C-alpha atoms as a PDB file:
ATOM      1  CA  VAL A   1    -141.815 -97.003 201.430  1.00  0.00           C
ATOM      2  CA  PRO A   2    -143.890 -97.514 204.582  1.00  0.00           C
ATOM      3  CA  PHE A   3    -146.104-100.885 204.422  1.00  0.00           C
ATOM      4  CA  HIS A   4    -149.083 -98.802 205.558  1.00  0.00           C
ATOM      5  CA  HIS A   5    -149.229 -97.031 202.117  1.00  0.00           C
ATOM      6  CA  ILE A   6    -150.700-100.171 200.627  1.00  0.00           C
ATOM      7  CA  ASP A   7    -153.589-100.066 202.935  1.00  0.00           C
ATOM      8  CA  THR A   8    -154.868 -96.750 201.948  1.00  0.00           C
ATOM      9  CA  ASP A   9    -158.189 -96.098 200.110  1.00  0.00           C
ATOM     10  CA  GLU A  10    -156.311 -94.330 197.338  1.00  0.00           C
ATOM     11  CA  PHE A  11    -154.347 -97.618 196.759  1.00  0.00           C
ATOM     12  CA  HIS A  12    -157.349 -99.773 196.670  1.00  0.00           C
ATOM     13  CA  ASN A  13    -159.169 -97.302 194.291  1.00  0.00           C
ATOM     14  CA  MET A  14    -156.077 -97.419 192.035  1.00  0.00           C
ATOM     15  CA  ALA A  15    -156.331-101.108 192.004  1.00  0.00           C
ATOM     16  CA  GLN A  16    -159.841-101.239 191.067  1.00  0.00           C
ATOM     17  CA  ALA A  17    -159.121 -98.638 188.078  1.00  0.00           C
ATOM     18  CA  ILE A  18    -156.514-100.918 186.909  1.00  0.00           C
ATOM     19  CA  LYS A  19    -158.881-103.985 187.099  1.00  0.00           C
ATOM     20  CA  ALA A  20    -161.512-101.924 185.032  1.00  0.00           C
ATOM     21  CA  CYS A  21    -158.937-101.498 182.121  1.00  0.00           C
ATOM     22  CA  PRO A  22    -160.085-103.896 179.475  1.00  0.00           C
ATOM     23  CA  THR A  23    -156.742-104.251 178.020  1.00  0.00           C
ATOM     24  CA  TYR A  24    -154.827-104.959 181.320  1.00  0.00           C
ATOM     25  CA  LEU A  25    -154.557-108.671 182.259  1.00  0.00           C
ATOM     26  CA  PRO A  26    -152.853-108.850 185.827  1.00  0.00           C
ATOM     27  CA  ALA A  27    -150.687-111.853 186.497  1.00  0.00           C
ATOM     28  CA  CYS A  28    -152.582-114.721 188.567  1.00  0.00           C
ATOM     29  CA  ARG A  29    -151.408-115.814 192.025  1.00  0.00           C
ATOM     30  CA  ALA A  30    -150.160-118.979 190.414  1.00  0.00           C
ATOM     31  CA  THR A  31    -147.851-117.107 188.082  1.00  0.00           C
ATOM     32  CA  LEU A  32    -146.554-114.810 190.460  1.00  0.00           C
ATOM     33  CA  ALA A  33    -145.907-117.652 192.944  1.00  0.00           C
ATOM     34  CA  GLY A  34    -143.990-119.627 190.531  1.00  0.00           C
ATOM     35  CA  PRO A  35    -140.662-118.890 188.769  1.00  0.00           C
ATOM     36  CA  GLN A  36    -141.172-115.113 188.774  1.00  0.00           C
ATOM     37  CA  MET A  37    -141.515-114.921 192.468  1.00  0.00           C
ATOM     38  CA  LEU A  38    -138.522-117.200 192.916  1.00  0.00           C
ATOM     39  CA  ALA A  39    -136.316-115.034 190.613  1.00  0.00           C
ATOM     40  CA  ARG A  40    -137.524-111.812 192.311  1.00  0.00           C
ATOM     41  CA  ASP A  41    -136.630-113.347 195.526  1.00  0.00           C
ATOM     42  CA  ALA A  42    -133.147-114.419 194.371  1.00  0.00           C
ATOM     43  CA  GLU A  43    -132.614-110.801 193.131  1.00  0.00           C
ATOM     44  CA  ALA A  44    -133.767-109.408 196.379  1.00  0.00           C
ATOM     45  CA  THR A  45    -131.504-111.620 198.276  1.00  0.00           C
ATOM     46  CA  GLN A  46    -128.434-111.005 196.288  1.00  0.00           C
ATOM     47  CA  GLU A  47    -129.295-107.340 196.644  1.00  0.00           C
ATOM     48  CA  THR A  48    -129.570-107.345 200.376  1.00  0.00           C
ATOM     49  CA  GLU A  49    -126.293-109.386 200.623  1.00  0.00           C
ATOM     50  CA  ILE A  50    -124.472-106.551 198.632  1.00  0.00           C
ATOM     51  CA  THR A  51    -125.899-103.860 200.655  1.00  0.00           C
ATOM     52  CA  LEU A  52    -125.158-105.409 203.880  1.00  0.00           C
ATOM     53  CA  ALA A  53    -121.435-106.268 202.762  1.00  0.00           C
ATOM     54  CA  ASP A  54    -121.058-102.451 201.775  1.00  0.00           C
ATOM     55  CA  SER A  55    -122.404-101.405 205.000  1.00  0.00           C
ATOM     56  CA  LEU A  56    -120.863-103.493 207.801  1.00  0.00           C
ATOM     57  CA  GLU A  57    -118.002-101.437 208.298  1.00  0.00           C
ATOM     58  CA  PHE A  58    -120.173 -98.409 209.259  1.00  0.00           C
ATOM     59  CA  GLY A  59    -122.330-100.160 211.529  1.00  0.00           C
ATOM     60  CA  LEU A  60    -126.179-100.859 211.382  1.00  0.00           C
ATOM     61  CA  VAL A  61    -129.478 -99.753 212.911  1.00  0.00           C
ATOM     62  CA  LEU A  62    -132.189-102.114 213.662  1.00  0.00           C
ATOM     63  CA  THR A  63    -135.626-100.614 213.686  1.00  0.00           C
ATOM     64  CA  GLY A  64    -139.364-101.800 214.184  1.00  0.00           C
ATOM     65  CA  ASP A  65    -142.616-100.324 213.770  1.00  0.00           C
ATOM     66  CA  GLY A  66    -146.207-101.342 213.765  1.00  0.00           C
ATOM     67  CA  TYR A  67    -149.241-100.523 211.887  1.00  0.00           C
ATOM     68  CA  ARG A  68    -152.950-101.254 212.021  1.00  0.00           C
ATOM     69  CA  SER A  69    -154.483-102.416 208.625  1.00  0.00           C
ATOM     70  CA  LYS A  70    -157.687-100.482 208.654  1.00  0.00           C
ATOM     71  CA  HIS A  71    -159.046-102.737 205.781  1.00  0.00           C
ATOM     72  CA  LYS A  72    -158.363-106.056 207.504  1.00  0.00           C
ATOM     73  CA  LYS A  73    -158.175-104.874 210.998  1.00  0.00           C
ATOM     74  CA  ARG A  74    -155.129-106.728 211.720  1.00  0.00           C
ATOM     75  CA  GLN A  75    -151.831-105.317 213.579  1.00  0.00           C
ATOM     76  CA  TYR A  76    -148.415-105.921 212.065  1.00  0.00           C
ATOM     77  CA  HIS A  77    -144.801-105.295 213.169  1.00  0.00           C
ATOM     78  CA  ASN A  78    -142.013-104.860 210.581  1.00  0.00           C
ATOM     79  CA  HIS A  79    -138.192-104.987 211.099  1.00  0.00           C
ATOM     80  CA  GLN A  80    -135.708-103.415 208.933  1.00  0.00           C
ATOM     81  CA  LEU A  81    -131.953-102.648 209.173  1.00  0.00           C
ATOM     82  CA  LEU A  82    -130.956 -99.354 208.203  1.00  0.00           C
ATOM     83  CA  THR A  83    -127.579 -99.167 206.282  1.00  0.00           C
ATOM     84  CA  VAL A  84    -125.598 -96.452 204.514  1.00  0.00           C
ATOM     85  CA  SER A  85    -127.033 -97.753 201.315  1.00  0.00           C
ATOM     86  CA  GLY A  86    -130.626 -98.053 202.285  1.00  0.00           C
ATOM     87  CA  PRO A  87    -133.090-100.296 204.238  1.00  0.00           C
ATOM     88  CA  VAL A  88    -132.938-103.798 204.382  1.00  0.00           C
ATOM     89  CA  PHE A  89    -136.160-105.454 205.168  1.00  0.00           C
ATOM     90  CA  LEU A  90    -135.999-108.363 207.601  1.00  0.00           C
ATOM     91  CA  GLY A  91    -139.490-109.479 207.953  1.00  0.00           C
ATOM     92  CA  MET A  92    -143.015-108.658 209.310  1.00  0.00           C
ATOM     93  CA  ALA A  93    -144.910-110.246 212.128  1.00  0.00           C
ATOM     94  CA  ASP A  94    -148.710-110.468 212.482  1.00  0.00           C
ATOM     95  CA  THR A  95    -149.210-109.472 216.010  1.00  0.00           C
ATOM     96  CA  THR A  96    -152.955-109.299 215.957  1.00  0.00           C
ATOM     97  CA  GLY A  97    -154.520-110.215 219.450  1.00  0.00           C
ATOM     98  CA  GLU A  98    -151.123-110.589 221.039  1.00  0.00           C
ATOM     99  CA  PRO A  99    -150.085-108.644 224.115  1.00  0.00           C
ATOM    100  CA  GLY A 100    -147.788-105.727 223.871  1.00  0.00           C
ATOM    101  CA  THR A 101    -145.836-105.733 226.923  1.00  0.00           C
ATOM    102  CA  ALA A 102    -142.103-104.798 227.258  1.00  0.00           C
ATOM    103  CA  GLN A 103    -141.394-108.461 227.681  1.00  0.00           C
ATOM    104  CA  ASP A 104    -143.337-109.296 224.413  1.00  0.00           C
ATOM    105  CA  ILE A 105    -141.484-106.640 222.657  1.00  0.00           C
ATOM    106  CA  PHE A 106    -138.263-107.735 223.891  1.00  0.00           C
ATOM    107  CA  GLU A 107    -138.804-111.358 222.862  1.00  0.00           C
ATOM    108  CA  GLU A 108    -139.926-110.261 219.327  1.00  0.00           C
ATOM    109  CA  PHE A 109    -136.636-108.233 218.766  1.00  0.00           C
ATOM    110  CA  GLU A 110    -134.369-110.915 220.506  1.00  0.00           C
ATOM    111  CA  GLU A 111    -136.084-113.517 217.889  1.00  0.00           C
ATOM    112  CA  VAL A 112    -135.033-111.172 215.061  1.00  0.00           C
ATOM    113  CA  MET A 113    -131.656-110.445 216.468  1.00  0.00           C
ATOM    114  CA  GLU A 114    -130.883-114.475 216.792  1.00  0.00           C
ATOM    115  CA  SER A 115    -132.019-114.790 213.272  1.00  0.00           C
ATOM    116  CA  LEU A 116    -129.198-112.835 211.843  1.00  0.00           C
ATOM    117  CA  GLU A 117    -125.818-113.713 210.846  1.00  0.00           C
ATOM    118  CA  PRO A 118    -123.200-113.263 213.718  1.00  0.00           C
ATOM    119  CA  LYS A 119    -121.344-110.801 211.302  1.00  0.00           C
ATOM    120  CA  VAL A 120    -124.385-108.588 210.935  1.00  0.00           C
ATOM    121  CA  LYS A 121    -125.750-108.957 214.446  1.00  0.00           C
ATOM    122  CA  ILE A 122    -122.236-107.675 216.092  1.00  0.00           C
ATOM    123  CA  ARG A 123    -122.491-104.492 213.579  1.00  0.00           C
ATOM    124  CA  ILE A 124    -125.967-103.422 214.919  1.00  0.00           C
ATOM    125  CA  MET A 125    -125.045-100.341 217.087  1.00  0.00           C
ATOM    126  CA  LEU A 126    -128.435 -98.663 217.537  1.00  0.00           C
ATOM    127  CA  GLY A 127    -131.918-100.119 217.896  1.00  0.00           C
ATOM    128  CA  VAL A 128    -135.000 -97.689 217.304  1.00  0.00           C
ATOM    129  CA  LEU A 129    -138.597 -98.203 218.397  1.00  0.00           C
ATOM    130  CA  ASP A 130    -141.627 -96.352 218.810  1.00  0.00           C
ATOM    131  CA  THR A 131    -141.990 -94.304 222.205  1.00  0.00           C
ATOM    132  CA  PRO A 132    -145.169 -95.783 223.917  1.00  0.00           C
ATOM    133  CA  SER A 133    -144.133 -96.996 227.502  1.00  0.00           C
ATOM    134  CA  PRO A 134    -143.785-100.764 226.663  1.00  0.00           C
ATOM    135  CA  ASN A 135    -141.346 -99.934 224.071  1.00  0.00           C
ATOM    136  CA  VAL A 136    -139.523 -97.585 226.622  1.00  0.00           C
ATOM    137  CA  ALA A 137    -139.341-100.325 229.204  1.00  0.00           C
ATOM    138  CA  ALA A 138    -138.270-102.991 226.303  1.00  0.00           C
ATOM    139  CA  TRP A 139    -135.209-100.711 225.414  1.00  0.00           C
ATOM    140  CA  THR A 140    -133.759-101.504 228.974  1.00  0.00           C
ATOM    141  CA  LEU A 141    -134.371-105.214 228.407  1.00  0.00           C
ATOM    142  CA  LEU A 142    -132.790-105.165 224.919  1.00  0.00           C
ATOM    143  CA  MET A 143    -129.574-103.046 226.192  1.00  0.00           C
ATOM    144  CA  GLU A 144    -129.152-105.673 228.977  1.00  0.00           C
ATOM    145  CA  LYS A 145    -129.152-108.635 226.619  1.00  0.00           C
ATOM    146  CA  PHE A 146    -127.217-106.939 223.822  1.00  0.00           C
ATOM    147  CA  THR A 147    -124.627-104.741 225.463  1.00  0.00           C
ATOM    148  CA  ARG A 148    -123.005-103.207 222.478  1.00  0.00           C
ATOM    149  CA  GLN A 149    -126.300-101.461 221.514  1.00  0.00           C
ATOM    150  CA  ILE A 150    -128.057 -98.557 222.556  1.00  0.00           C
ATOM    151  CA  TRP A 151    -131.874 -98.563 222.074  1.00  0.00           C
ATOM    152  CA  GLN A 152    -133.999 -95.253 221.799  1.00  0.00           C
ATOM    153  CA  GLY A 153    -137.244 -93.923 220.613  1.00  0.00           C
ATOM    154  CA  CYS A 154    -138.077 -92.673 217.198  1.00  0.00           C
ATOM    155  CA  MET A 155    -137.637 -88.901 216.634  1.00  0.00           C
ATOM    156  CA  ALA A 156    -140.210 -88.865 214.027  1.00  0.00           C
ATOM    157  CA  HIS A 157    -142.638 -90.477 216.233  1.00  0.00           C
ATOM    158  CA  ASP A 158    -141.815 -87.879 219.050  1.00  0.00           C
ATOM    159  CA  ILE A 159    -142.228 -85.158 216.539  1.00  0.00           C
ATOM    160  CA  ALA A 160    -145.631 -86.473 215.484  1.00  0.00           C
ATOM    161  CA  LEU A 161    -146.964 -86.750 218.915  1.00  0.00           C
ATOM    162  CA  CYS A 162    -145.746 -83.094 219.391  1.00  0.00           C
ATOM    163  CA  MET A 163    -147.632 -81.890 216.406  1.00  0.00           C
ATOM    164  CA  LYS A 164    -150.738 -83.786 217.478  1.00  0.00           C
ATOM    165  CA  ASP A 165    -150.679 -81.779 220.678  1.00  0.00           C
ATOM    166  CA  ILE A 166    -150.001 -78.553 218.784  1.00  0.00           C
ATOM    167  CA  ALA A 167    -152.923 -79.300 216.669  1.00  0.00           C
ATOM    168  CA  LYS A 168    -155.076 -79.418 219.625  1.00  0.00           C
ATOM    169  CA  LEU A 169    -154.296 -75.843 220.692  1.00  0.00           C
ATOM    170  CA  GLN A 170    -157.150 -73.194 220.131  1.00  0.00           C
ATOM    171  CA  VAL A 171    -154.687 -71.005 218.304  1.00  0.00           C
ATOM    172  CA  THR A 172    -153.878 -73.855 215.799  1.00  0.00           C
ATOM    173  CA  ILE A 173    -157.460 -74.574 215.354  1.00  0.00           C
ATOM    174  CA  ASP A 174    -158.330 -70.912 214.701  1.00  0.00           C
ATOM    175  CA  MET A 175    -155.402 -70.660 212.143  1.00  0.00           C
ATOM    176  CA  LYS A 176    -156.617 -73.739 210.361  1.00  0.00           C
ATOM    177  CA  LEU A 177    -160.013 -72.266 209.908  1.00  0.00           C
ATOM    178  CA  ALA A 178    -158.767 -68.896 208.776  1.00  0.00           C
ATOM    179  CA  CYS A 179    -156.572 -70.644 206.234  1.00  0.00           C
ATOM    180  CA  LYS A 180    -159.223 -72.924 204.933  1.00  0.00           C
ATOM    181  CA  SER A 181    -161.596 -69.891 204.514  1.00  0.00           C
ATOM    182  CA  LEU A 182    -158.840 -68.000 202.648  1.00  0.00           C
ATOM    183  CA  VAL A 183    -158.403 -70.921 200.306  1.00  0.00           C
ATOM    184  CA  ILE A 184    -162.110 -71.353 199.615  1.00  0.00           C
ATOM    185  CA  TRP A 185    -162.389 -67.449 198.969  1.00  0.00           C
ATOM    186  CA  ILE A 186    -159.392 -67.667 196.597  1.00  0.00           C
ATOM    187  CA  ASN A 187    -160.849 -70.619 194.905  1.00  0.00           C
ATOM    188  CA  ASN A 188    -164.124 -68.938 194.492  1.00  0.00           C
ATOM    189  CA  HIS A 189    -162.730 -65.645 192.859  1.00  0.00           C
ATOM    190  CA  PRO A 190    -160.710 -66.302 189.827  1.00  0.00           C
ATOM    191  CA  ALA A 191    -158.101 -63.410 188.766  1.00  0.00           C
END
């Protein structure tokens, strides 16, 4: 689940509605940070080890993406390994106010790579980043440093950019207005 989903108005409204329920008593921060957190962390670590062990023979993909928190006005980058059994979350970095040059992106991913066990690091065959120009320049730096890997852009980001361009076309705007008018007319005229 993308991290930005927690940063939506719908999620915050849901949390407020839950708080308003008189019979619901949420666990306090101290409870969550104590034994429960340690137990959940141990479970997650064990699951990660199993997932990686099952996936090493197939190769891994390292990916990173960023999002801006609209509620806290912060910029974050998350890092994940994609495996045949699902994603493995490696960590999140708060990059608010930091420069976003190719060298900065390279250093961030170099740090992530160096934090991995050698048996995991050597199985990363592909790296996927966003497509803005600093990232494109960072691909070259990463491929020079990690010669067994190919780095490329994210197809989903490319498609999203393409769809944004298509949405700006007058024919698309006209079609959207016509469809909206049709939906309004149908909603106002029951069977």
